[in-house]
């Protein structure tokens, strides 16, 4: 998919989006100063963590481990560190260097092949780029020389799609029978309980290791958590040190993640339910298609039959004139169709779905 976007267009959109009163995207934005004032209040009577130890970080790790139903967890600076680190451990334990990845995996698309260049792993692509990974994709494999497979829940690059609970269990069982570790790319795992009607712990129980992001849905500053068995996390701490992720202190990120858990976690399930009401209204607008047609998470993609530059200009102008942001910047542009990701949070929930459908229609009229 081609991306065509000038710096000037991006900057104009970003400025308009930051100053608009209403946005369909994510959670209410705060200034750096406001965020830091909140963290100051949380920091009273706290002590800084030191190289991964201390009450603040250890309590937080135990909290996330409990949410995910795992015996142990470790706080890491990023998912880009957490995921290949987990795969490296699975690889060494099985004496195999190949890991199974969907073609749209973050490790494949957005990490400059770090899992290969830095971690000495080899990737085997599983499934098709625009289709959700399913059991049938695994059942067709004749090569079982895999140390691990990465299952992304939900699959961000195709609109937050999720396999059925039955199919997911089949995938896990297929891996178990072949001594292939199952790692969940759970950057947005917080969105899954509504679809599966199961807790985070019940979902995570299927995996040997689970990564979750602390900022994508929770609104933290940055950071990730990797969870698994105690011996696995003990190894992860060693690899974290080797990789330079064991910073002397991480307390600003931990405090912000705690704040995000309190403010935003409860709204994620509501946002996932809201997505199912909102999507059909947006799909009824001429030239707009929703992927997936019935959202399975608190996100989906809009395929909009508008030229990318004209669409960005229209969204920017609409935000400037009406104080309403109705779309993200397009993720891609192909054959006259712009693809925009709609990630829902407390912002969208402030208004009925009809509000966003009305404003999107009015905005797209400017892009004709």
Protein backbone atom coordinates (compact mmCIF):
# COMPACT_ATOMS: atom_id res chain seq x y z
CA UNK A 1 0.00 0.00 0.00
CA UNK A 2 1.40 3.40 -0.96
CA UNK A 3 1.62 6.29 1.44
CA UNK A 4 1.62 9.80 -0.03
CA UNK A 5 1.75 12.52 2.57
CA UNK A 6 3.81 15.70 2.70
CA UNK A 7 5.25 17.10 5.91
CA UNK A 8 3.16 20.24 5.45
CA UNK A 9 -0.07 18.23 5.28
CA UNK A 10 0.87 16.23 8.34
CA UNK A 11 1.81 19.30 10.37
CA UNK A 12 -1.39 21.13 9.48
CA UNK A 13 -3.51 18.13 10.46
CA UNK A 14 -1.59 17.61 13.71
CA UNK A 15 -2.06 21.24 14.75
CA UNK A 16 -5.78 21.18 13.97
CA UNK A 17 -6.25 17.86 15.78
CA UNK A 18 -4.46 19.09 18.90
CA UNK A 19 -6.59 22.21 19.22
CA UNK A 20 -10.00 20.73 18.28
CA UNK A 21 -12.52 20.31 21.09
CA UNK A 22 -13.96 16.98 19.92
CA UNK A 23 -12.20 13.93 18.49
CA UNK A 24 -13.39 10.47 17.50
CA UNK A 25 -9.96 9.10 18.35
CA UNK A 26 -8.67 7.60 21.60
CA UNK A 27 -8.84 9.42 24.95
CA UNK A 28 -8.90 13.13 25.84
CA UNK A 29 -5.53 14.71 25.20
CA UNK A 30 -3.65 16.45 27.99
CA UNK A 31 -0.76 18.86 27.98
CA UNK A 32 2.59 17.61 29.22
CA UNK A 33 2.21 19.92 32.20
CA UNK A 34 -1.18 18.45 33.13
CA UNK A 35 0.15 14.91 32.87
CA UNK A 36 3.16 15.70 35.01
CA UNK A 37 1.01 17.37 37.67
CA UNK A 38 -1.06 14.19 37.92
CA UNK A 39 2.07 12.12 38.25
CA UNK A 40 3.40 14.40 40.97
CA UNK A 41 0.26 13.71 42.99
CA UNK A 42 0.70 9.95 42.48
CA UNK A 43 4.36 10.15 43.40
CA UNK A 44 3.77 11.36 46.95
CA UNK A 45 5.36 8.93 49.42
CA UNK A 46 6.72 6.80 46.53
CA UNK A 47 10.36 5.90 46.02
CA UNK A 48 12.13 5.55 42.71
CA UNK A 49 12.72 2.10 41.30
CA UNK A 50 16.36 1.16 40.85
CA UNK A 51 17.33 -1.15 37.99
CA UNK A 52 14.01 -2.98 38.06
CA UNK A 53 13.69 -3.32 41.82
CA UNK A 54 11.68 -1.46 44.43
CA UNK A 55 8.13 -1.44 45.70
CA UNK A 56 6.75 0.82 42.96
CA UNK A 57 7.82 -1.28 39.98
CA UNK A 58 7.39 -4.65 41.67
CA UNK A 59 3.85 -3.85 42.83
CA UNK A 60 2.94 -2.72 39.32
CA UNK A 61 4.40 -5.85 37.74
CA UNK A 62 2.44 -8.04 40.16
CA UNK A 63 -0.73 -6.11 39.31
CA UNK A 64 -0.38 -6.67 35.57
CA UNK A 65 0.63 -10.30 36.07
CA UNK A 66 -2.55 -10.83 38.09
CA UNK A 67 -4.70 -9.13 35.43
CA UNK A 68 -3.22 -11.46 32.82
CA UNK A 69 -3.38 -14.50 35.08
CA UNK A 70 0.35 -15.14 34.84
CA UNK A 71 2.74 -15.95 37.71
CA UNK A 72 5.18 -13.14 36.85
CA UNK A 73 5.74 -10.08 34.69
CA UNK A 74 8.46 -7.58 33.87
CA UNK A 75 8.14 -3.91 32.94
CA UNK A 76 10.03 -3.06 29.73
CA UNK A 77 10.56 0.23 27.90
CA UNK A 78 8.86 -0.88 24.68
CA UNK A 79 7.12 -3.68 22.83
CA UNK A 80 9.90 -3.53 20.26
CA UNK A 81 12.13 -4.88 23.02
CA UNK A 82 9.57 -7.13 24.72
CA UNK A 83 8.54 -9.23 21.75
CA UNK A 84 11.83 -10.34 20.18
CA UNK A 85 13.17 -10.81 23.70
CA UNK A 86 10.36 -13.28 24.41
CA UNK A 87 10.92 -15.04 21.09
CA UNK A 88 14.66 -15.31 21.77
CA UNK A 89 13.98 -17.16 25.01
CA UNK A 90 11.53 -19.54 23.31
CA UNK A 91 14.09 -20.06 20.54
CA UNK A 92 16.95 -20.90 22.86
CA UNK A 93 14.83 -23.29 24.91
CA UNK A 94 13.91 -25.28 21.80
CA UNK A 95 17.19 -25.02 19.95
CA UNK A 96 15.46 -23.53 16.92
CA UNK A 97 15.79 -20.04 15.47
CA UNK A 98 12.67 -19.80 13.31
CA UNK A 99 9.50 -18.07 14.52
CA UNK A 100 6.14 -17.90 12.79
CA UNK A 101 4.85 -14.41 11.99
CA UNK A 102 1.85 -13.08 10.11
CA UNK A 103 2.90 -10.83 7.18
CA UNK A 104 1.39 -7.83 8.99
CA UNK A 105 3.16 -8.48 12.28
CA UNK A 106 4.71 -5.41 13.88
CA UNK A 107 8.02 -7.29 13.91
CA UNK A 108 7.83 -7.64 10.12
CA UNK A 109 6.53 -4.21 9.17
CA UNK A 110 7.73 -1.70 11.74
CA UNK A 111 10.93 -2.82 13.44
CA UNK A 112 13.51 -2.73 10.63
CA UNK A 113 13.94 -6.52 10.89
CA UNK A 114 15.33 -6.19 14.40
CA UNK A 115 14.31 -9.74 15.29
CA UNK A 116 16.72 -10.92 12.58
CA UNK A 117 19.52 -8.36 12.78
CA UNK A 118 19.77 -8.05 16.57
CA UNK A 119 18.26 -11.23 17.92
CA UNK A 120 19.46 -13.82 15.38
CA UNK A 121 15.98 -15.11 14.63
CA UNK A 122 14.48 -16.16 11.30
CA UNK A 123 10.89 -15.45 10.36
CA UNK A 124 8.48 -17.77 8.59
CA UNK A 125 5.44 -15.90 7.31
CA UNK A 126 2.11 -17.51 8.16
CA UNK A 127 -1.17 -16.73 6.43
CA UNK A 128 -2.06 -14.00 3.95
CA UNK A 129 -1.45 -10.25 4.40
CA UNK A 130 -5.06 -9.09 4.22
CA UNK A 131 -6.62 -12.06 5.95
CA UNK A 132 -6.80 -13.00 9.60
CA UNK A 133 -4.52 -15.86 10.63
CA UNK A 134 -6.62 -18.97 11.18
CA UNK A 135 -6.10 -22.59 12.09
CA UNK A 136 -6.36 -23.66 8.45
CA UNK A 137 -3.27 -21.57 7.68
CA UNK A 138 -1.30 -23.54 10.25
CA UNK A 139 -2.77 -26.91 9.32
CA UNK A 140 -1.35 -26.52 5.80
CA UNK A 141 2.23 -26.23 7.07
CA UNK A 142 4.54 -29.15 6.51
CA UNK A 143 7.52 -27.51 8.23
CA UNK A 144 7.32 -27.67 11.99
CA UNK A 145 10.80 -26.30 12.67
CA UNK A 146 9.32 -23.39 14.56
CA UNK A 147 10.38 -22.31 18.01
CA UNK A 148 7.32 -20.10 18.47
CA UNK A 149 4.40 -18.48 16.71
CA UNK A 150 3.23 -14.93 17.30
CA UNK A 151 -0.52 -14.42 17.47
CA UNK A 152 -1.58 -10.77 17.42
CA UNK A 153 -4.84 -10.10 19.29
CA UNK A 154 -6.44 -8.08 17.77
CA UNK A 155 -4.71 -7.78 14.39
CA UNK A 156 -4.13 -4.07 14.00
CA UNK A 157 -3.16 -3.86 10.32
CA UNK A 158 -6.44 -5.44 9.17
CA UNK A 159 -8.79 -3.40 11.30
CA UNK A 160 -8.58 -5.19 14.63
CA UNK A 161 -9.84 -8.57 13.46
CA UNK A 162 -9.89 -11.52 15.85
CA UNK A 163 -10.23 -15.27 15.30
CA UNK A 164 -13.15 -17.01 16.93
CA UNK A 165 -12.48 -18.48 20.37
CA UNK A 166 -12.74 -21.96 18.89
CA UNK A 167 -10.28 -21.20 16.10
CA UNK A 168 -7.85 -19.54 18.51
CA UNK A 169 -7.89 -22.63 20.69
CA UNK A 170 -7.26 -24.80 17.64
CA UNK A 171 -4.22 -22.69 16.73
CA UNK A 172 -2.86 -23.01 20.25
CA UNK A 173 -3.47 -26.76 20.35
CA UNK A 174 -1.71 -27.15 16.98
CA UNK A 175 1.34 -25.41 18.42
CA UNK A 176 1.25 -27.35 21.69
CA UNK A 177 1.24 -30.69 19.88
CA UNK A 178 4.47 -29.68 18.12
CA UNK A 179 6.24 -28.09 21.11
CA UNK A 180 5.93 -24.65 19.50
CA UNK A 181 5.64 -21.81 21.98
CA UNK A 182 2.68 -19.45 21.67
CA UNK A 183 3.40 -15.76 22.15
CA UNK A 184 0.59 -13.19 22.17
CA UNK A 185 1.28 -9.81 20.65
CA UNK A 186 -1.25 -8.20 22.94
CA UNK A 187 -0.45 -4.57 22.26
CA UNK A 188 -4.22 -4.08 22.25
CA UNK A 189 -5.18 -7.19 24.23
CA UNK A 190 -7.20 -4.93 26.54
CA UNK A 191 -9.80 -4.80 23.73
CA UNK A 192 -10.37 -8.56 23.51
CA UNK A 193 -12.53 -9.50 26.55
CA UNK A 194 -15.70 -8.01 25.05
CA UNK A 195 -15.45 -10.09 21.87
CA UNK A 196 -14.50 -13.32 23.58
CA UNK A 197 -16.69 -12.73 26.65
CA UNK A 198 -13.77 -13.93 28.72
CA UNK A 199 -11.40 -12.24 31.11
CA UNK A 200 -7.90 -11.12 30.22
CA UNK A 201 -6.61 -13.98 32.36
CA UNK A 202 -8.71 -16.58 30.53
CA UNK A 203 -7.47 -15.31 27.18
CA UNK A 204 -3.86 -15.08 28.28
CA UNK A 205 -3.96 -18.61 29.69
CA UNK A 206 -3.66 -19.87 26.11
CA UNK A 207 -0.23 -18.31 25.64
CA UNK A 208 3.23 -19.11 26.97
CA UNK A 209 4.11 -15.42 26.96
CA UNK A 210 2.05 -12.27 26.62
CA UNK A 211 3.07 -8.72 25.77
CA UNK A 212 0.79 -5.76 26.49
CA UNK A 213 1.26 -2.09 25.72
CA UNK A 214 0.82 0.52 28.43
CA UNK A 215 0.07 3.46 26.15
CA UNK A 216 -1.94 2.40 23.09
CA UNK A 217 -5.26 1.93 24.91
CA UNK A 218 -4.32 2.91 28.43
CA UNK A 219 -2.84 6.30 27.57
CA UNK A 220 0.43 5.91 29.45
CA UNK A 221 3.55 7.75 28.35
CA UNK A 222 5.35 4.64 27.08
CA UNK A 223 6.24 1.16 28.21
CA UNK A 224 5.23 -2.47 28.00
CA UNK A 225 4.84 -5.53 30.17
CA UNK A 226 5.89 -9.07 29.31
CA UNK A 227 4.19 -11.80 31.34
CA UNK A 228 4.72 -15.53 31.69
CA UNK A 229 5.95 -18.23 34.02
CA UNK A 230 8.40 -17.27 36.77
CA UNK A 231 11.42 -18.95 35.18
CA UNK A 232 10.60 -17.36 31.82
CA UNK A 233 10.42 -13.87 33.33
CA UNK A 234 13.64 -14.48 35.24
CA UNK A 235 15.33 -15.12 31.89
CA UNK A 236 13.60 -12.08 30.41
CA UNK A 237 15.18 -9.88 33.08
CA UNK A 238 18.61 -11.13 32.07
CA UNK A 239 17.97 -10.46 28.39
CA UNK A 240 16.55 -7.04 29.26
CA UNK A 241 19.83 -6.20 30.97
CA UNK A 242 21.83 -7.44 28.00
CA UNK A 243 19.73 -5.39 25.59
CA UNK A 244 20.03 -2.14 27.56
CA UNK A 245 16.41 -1.99 28.64
CA UNK A 246 17.14 -2.25 32.36
CA UNK A 247 17.20 1.52 32.94
CA UNK A 248 18.18 2.86 36.33
CA UNK A 249 14.65 4.20 36.92
CA UNK A 250 11.35 3.93 35.06
CA UNK A 251 9.03 5.53 37.59
CA UNK A 252 7.50 8.23 35.31
CA UNK A 253 6.31 5.49 32.94
CA UNK A 254 5.03 3.31 35.77
CA UNK A 255 3.12 6.16 37.40
CA UNK A 256 1.60 7.12 34.03
CA UNK A 257 0.62 3.51 33.36
CA UNK A 258 -1.08 3.30 36.75
CA UNK A 259 -2.94 6.51 35.93
CA UNK A 260 -3.98 5.07 32.57
CA UNK A 261 -5.25 1.87 34.13
CA UNK A 262 -7.47 3.86 36.47
CA UNK A 263 -8.74 6.32 33.87
CA UNK A 264 -9.04 4.25 30.71
CA UNK A 265 -9.13 0.48 31.20
CA UNK A 266 -12.79 0.33 32.17
CA UNK A 267 -13.77 2.32 29.08
CA UNK A 268 -12.10 -0.10 26.63
CA UNK A 269 -14.91 -2.66 26.87
CA UNK A 270 -17.50 0.09 26.44
CA UNK A 271 -15.61 1.39 23.42
CA UNK A 272 -15.62 -2.08 21.85
CA UNK A 273 -19.40 -2.25 22.27
CA UNK A 274 -19.76 1.29 20.95
CA UNK A 275 -17.77 0.35 17.82
CA UNK A 276 -20.50 -2.10 16.84
CA UNK A 277 -23.09 0.69 16.96
CA UNK A 278 -20.92 3.25 15.21
CA UNK A 279 -19.56 1.19 12.32
CA UNK A 280 -22.88 0.57 10.49
CA UNK A 281 -23.68 4.29 10.60
CA UNK A 282 -20.33 5.19 9.07
CA UNK A 283 -20.65 2.40 6.50
CA UNK A 284 -23.95 3.91 5.35
CA UNK A 285 -22.10 6.98 4.06
CA UNK A 286 -21.46 6.79 0.34
CA UNK A 287 -17.88 5.87 -0.48
CA UNK A 288 -17.13 4.48 2.99
CA UNK A 289 -16.48 0.81 3.77
CA UNK A 290 -15.74 -0.56 7.25
CA UNK A 291 -13.16 -3.30 7.82
CA UNK A 292 -14.22 -5.54 9.44
CA UNK A 293 -17.87 -4.94 8.64
CA UNK A 294 -18.76 -5.79 12.23
CA UNK A 295 -15.95 -4.57 14.50
CA UNK A 296 -14.57 -7.11 16.91
CA UNK A 297 -12.50 -4.71 19.01
CA UNK A 298 -12.47 -1.04 19.99
CA UNK A 299 -11.05 -0.21 16.57
CA UNK A 300 -11.70 -0.67 12.86
CA UNK A 301 -10.51 0.70 9.54
CA UNK A 302 -12.42 2.94 7.19
CA UNK A 303 -11.75 2.55 3.48
CA UNK A 304 -12.77 5.88 1.99
CA UNK A 305 -13.06 6.51 -1.73
CA UNK A 306 -11.28 9.86 -1.63
CA UNK A 307 -7.88 10.98 -2.86
CA UNK A 308 -5.50 11.09 0.08
CA UNK A 309 -4.37 14.69 -0.13
CA UNK A 310 -7.89 16.00 -0.62
CA UNK A 311 -9.10 13.91 2.32
CA UNK A 312 -6.40 15.17 4.68
CA UNK A 313 -7.09 18.75 3.66
CA UNK A 314 -10.83 18.28 4.22
CA UNK A 315 -10.36 16.68 7.67
CA UNK A 316 -7.96 19.44 8.67
CA UNK A 317 -10.21 22.22 7.44
CA UNK A 318 -13.24 20.64 9.11
CA UNK A 319 -11.40 20.44 12.43
CA UNK A 320 -10.38 24.07 12.14
CA UNK A 321 -13.89 25.23 11.30
CA UNK A 322 -16.01 22.95 13.50
CA UNK A 323 -13.66 21.86 16.29
CA UNK A 324 -14.31 18.21 15.40
CA UNK A 325 -11.74 15.61 14.31
CA UNK A 326 -13.51 12.80 12.44
CA UNK A 327 -10.59 10.80 11.04
CA UNK A 328 -7.00 9.88 11.70
CA UNK A 329 -4.39 10.55 9.06
CA UNK A 330 -4.67 7.82 6.39
CA UNK A 331 -2.49 4.79 7.09
CA UNK A 332 -2.32 3.97 3.41
CA UNK A 333 -3.65 4.94 0.00
CA UNK A 334 -4.32 2.50 -2.82
CA UNK A 335 -6.33 2.66 -6.05
CA UNK A 336 -8.15 5.82 -5.08
CA UNK A 337 -9.00 4.59 -1.57
CA UNK A 338 -7.64 6.12 1.65
CA UNK A 339 -7.47 3.83 4.68
CA UNK A 340 -7.98 5.45 8.07
CA UNK A 341 -7.79 3.73 11.44
CA UNK A 342 -10.46 4.52 14.00
CA UNK A 343 -9.22 3.74 17.52
CA UNK A 344 -12.00 4.40 19.99
CA UNK A 345 -11.76 5.52 23.58
CA UNK A 346 -13.34 7.98 25.96
CA UNK A 347 -13.35 10.74 23.33
CA UNK A 348 -15.83 9.00 21.05
CA UNK A 349 -17.95 7.85 23.98
CA UNK A 350 -18.74 11.46 24.88
CA UNK A 351 -21.19 11.62 21.97
CA UNK A 352 -23.82 9.32 20.47
CA UNK A 353 -22.75 7.43 17.34
CA UNK A 354 -25.02 9.62 15.21
CA UNK A 355 -22.86 12.63 16.11
CA UNK A 356 -19.82 11.13 14.40
CA UNK A 357 -21.76 9.90 11.38
CA UNK A 358 -23.17 13.38 10.84
CA UNK A 359 -19.79 15.06 11.07
CA UNK A 360 -18.01 12.49 8.90
CA UNK A 361 -20.59 12.94 6.17
CA UNK A 362 -20.24 16.72 6.35
CA UNK A 363 -16.47 16.47 6.28
CA UNK A 364 -16.39 14.14 3.28
CA UNK A 365 -18.58 16.55 1.39
CA UNK A 366 -15.60 18.92 1.51
CA UNK A 367 -13.36 16.29 -0.07
CA UNK A 368 -15.47 15.74 -3.19
